[in-house]
C-alpha atoms as a PDB file:
ATOM      1  CA  MET A   1       0.006  -0.014   0.024  1.00  0.00           C
ATOM      2  CA  ALA A   2       2.878   2.363   0.749  1.00  0.00           C
ATOM      3  CA  ASN A   3       4.199   1.922  -2.843  1.00  0.00           C
ATOM      4  CA  LEU A   4       0.829   2.740  -4.250  1.00  0.00           C
ATOM      5  CA  LEU A   5       0.611   5.982  -2.278  1.00  0.00           C
ATOM      6  CA  HIS A   6       4.187   6.883  -3.199  1.00  0.00           C
ATOM      7  CA  ASN A   7       3.538   6.243  -6.952  1.00  0.00           C
ATOM      8  CA  GLU A   8       0.432   8.371  -6.848  1.00  0.00           C
ATOM      9  CA  ARG A   9       2.359  11.272  -5.296  1.00  0.00           C
ATOM     10  CA  VAL A  10       5.113  10.871  -7.908  1.00  0.00           C
ATOM     11  CA  LYS A  11       2.530  10.902 -10.686  1.00  0.00           C
ATOM     12  CA  LEU A  12       0.841  13.996  -9.131  1.00  0.00           C
ATOM     13  CA  ARG A  13       4.205  15.793  -9.058  1.00  0.00           C
ATOM     14  CA  ALA A  14       4.957  14.828 -12.654  1.00  0.00           C
ATOM     15  CA  MET A  15       1.484  16.083 -13.759  1.00  0.00           C
ATOM     16  CA  LEU A  16       2.119  19.405 -11.991  1.00  0.00           C
ATOM     17  CA  PHE A  17       5.450  19.895 -13.903  1.00  0.00           C
ATOM     18  CA  ASN A  18       3.830  18.877 -17.167  1.00  0.00           C
ATOM     19  CA  ALA A  19       0.864  21.214 -16.605  1.00  0.00           C
ATOM     20  CA  ALA A  20       3.276  24.109 -15.877  1.00  0.00           C
ATOM     21  CA  ALA A  21       5.137  23.264 -19.028  1.00  0.00           C
ATOM     22  CA  GLY A  22       1.816  23.433 -20.999  1.00  0.00           C
ATOM     23  CA  ALA A  23       1.013  26.767 -19.447  1.00  0.00           C
ATOM     24  CA  CYS A  24       4.459  28.121 -20.302  1.00  0.00           C
ATOM     25  CA  PHE A  25       4.011  27.032 -23.914  1.00  0.00           C
ATOM     26  CA  THR A  26       0.586  28.703 -24.120  1.00  0.00           C
ATOM     27  CA  VAL A  27       1.656  31.946 -22.578  1.00  0.00           C
ATOM     28  CA  GLY A  28       5.108  32.290 -24.062  1.00  0.00           C
ATOM     29  CA  VAL A  29       4.800  30.732 -27.437  1.00  0.00           C
ATOM     30  CA  ALA A  30       1.269  30.074 -28.659  1.00  0.00           C
ATOM     31  CA  ALA A  31      -0.296  33.314 -27.513  1.00  0.00           C
ATOM     32  CA  PRO A  32       2.284  35.631 -29.076  1.00  0.00           C
ATOM     33  CA  ILE A  33       2.142  33.681 -32.332  1.00  0.00           C
ATOM     34  CA  ALA A  34      -1.674  33.917 -32.383  1.00  0.00           C
ATOM     35  CA  ALA A  35      -1.471  37.614 -31.576  1.00  0.00           C
ATOM     36  CA  GLY A  36       0.949  38.128 -34.473  1.00  0.00           C
ATOM     37  CA  VAL A  37      -1.269  36.223 -36.844  1.00  0.00           C
ATOM     38  CA  PHE A  38      -4.471  37.934 -35.916  1.00  0.00           C
ATOM     39  CA  TYR A  39      -3.206  41.423 -35.138  1.00  0.00           C
ATOM     40  CA  GLY A  40       0.001  41.671 -37.108  1.00  0.00           C
ATOM     41  CA  VAL A  41       3.619  41.920 -35.856  1.00  0.00           C
ATOM     42  CA  GLY A  42       5.151  45.295 -35.650  1.00  0.00           C
ATOM     43  CA  GLY A  43       4.827  48.622 -33.997  1.00  0.00           C
ATOM     44  CA  THR A  44       5.556  47.945 -30.353  1.00  0.00           C
ATOM     45  CA  VAL A  45       7.170  44.501 -30.508  1.00  0.00           C
ATOM     46  CA  SER A  46       9.780  43.417 -32.991  1.00  0.00           C
ATOM     47  CA  LEU A  47      10.028  40.044 -34.620  1.00  0.00           C
ATOM     48  CA  ARG A  48      13.367  39.568 -32.962  1.00  0.00           C
ATOM     49  CA  ALA A  49      11.931  40.136 -29.539  1.00  0.00           C
ATOM     50  CA  LEU A  50       9.180  37.544 -30.269  1.00  0.00           C
ATOM     51  CA  ALA A  51      11.819  35.039 -31.367  1.00  0.00           C
ATOM     52  CA  VAL A  52      13.972  35.557 -28.316  1.00  0.00           C
ATOM     53  CA  GLY A  53      10.909  35.287 -26.052  1.00  0.00           C
ATOM     54  CA  ALA A  54       9.797  32.099 -27.800  1.00  0.00           C
ATOM     55  CA  ILE A  55      13.243  30.575 -27.364  1.00  0.00           C
ATOM     56  CA  PHE A  56      13.210  31.425 -23.678  1.00  0.00           C
ATOM     57  CA  TRP A  57       9.806  29.987 -23.107  1.00  0.00           C
ATOM     58  CA  LEU A  58      10.590  26.826 -25.093  1.00  0.00           C
ATOM     59  CA  GLY A  59      13.569  26.371 -22.817  1.00  0.00           C
ATOM     60  CA  ALA A  60      11.250  26.722 -19.786  1.00  0.00           C
ATOM     61  CA  VAL A  61       8.920  24.127 -21.372  1.00  0.00           C
ATOM     62  CA  ALA A  62      11.723  21.662 -22.054  1.00  0.00           C
ATOM     63  CA  GLY A  63      13.072  22.113 -18.551  1.00  0.00           C
ATOM     64  CA  LEU A  64       9.652  21.581 -16.835  1.00  0.00           C
ATOM     65  CA  HIS A  65       8.870  18.614 -19.076  1.00  0.00           C
ATOM     66  CA  GLY A  66      12.233  17.130 -18.239  1.00  0.00           C
ATOM     67  CA  LEU A  67      11.452  17.505 -14.557  1.00  0.00           C
ATOM     68  CA  ALA A  68       8.166  15.647 -15.107  1.00  0.00           C
ATOM     69  CA  TYR A  69       9.971  12.810 -16.954  1.00  0.00           C
ATOM     70  CA  ARG A  70      12.574  12.529 -14.182  1.00  0.00           C
ATOM     71  CA  ALA A  71       9.868  12.502 -11.545  1.00  0.00           C
ATOM     72  CA  LEU A  72       8.252   9.484 -13.199  1.00  0.00           C
ATOM     73  CA  LYS A  73      11.574   7.592 -12.860  1.00  0.00           C
ATOM     74  CA  GLY A  74      10.912   7.536  -9.140  1.00  0.00           C
ATOM     75  CA  LEU A  75       7.975   5.147  -9.437  1.00  0.00           C
ATOM     76  CA  ARG A  76       8.331   2.023  -7.366  1.00  0.00           C
ATOM     77  CA  ASP A  77       7.367  -1.524  -8.306  1.00  0.00           C
ATOM     78  CA  ASP A  78       4.724  -3.297  -6.239  1.00  0.00           C
END
């Protein structure tokens, strides 16, 4: 029973990291791209700034997803 409880906690932690990664992707990559498509790029934000921001957020996504993957390695056998 202790292994089951431990595994559920590990899966919950992995889900938290993966959900945070999804939120980072939405906020930092998908939303600016959608804004650029629907409202046009230019004026206040340059294309270079969008690219740098997307690279930063994709790094955050990869890091958080990696933490989720590593957390799942902590699962115990019954």
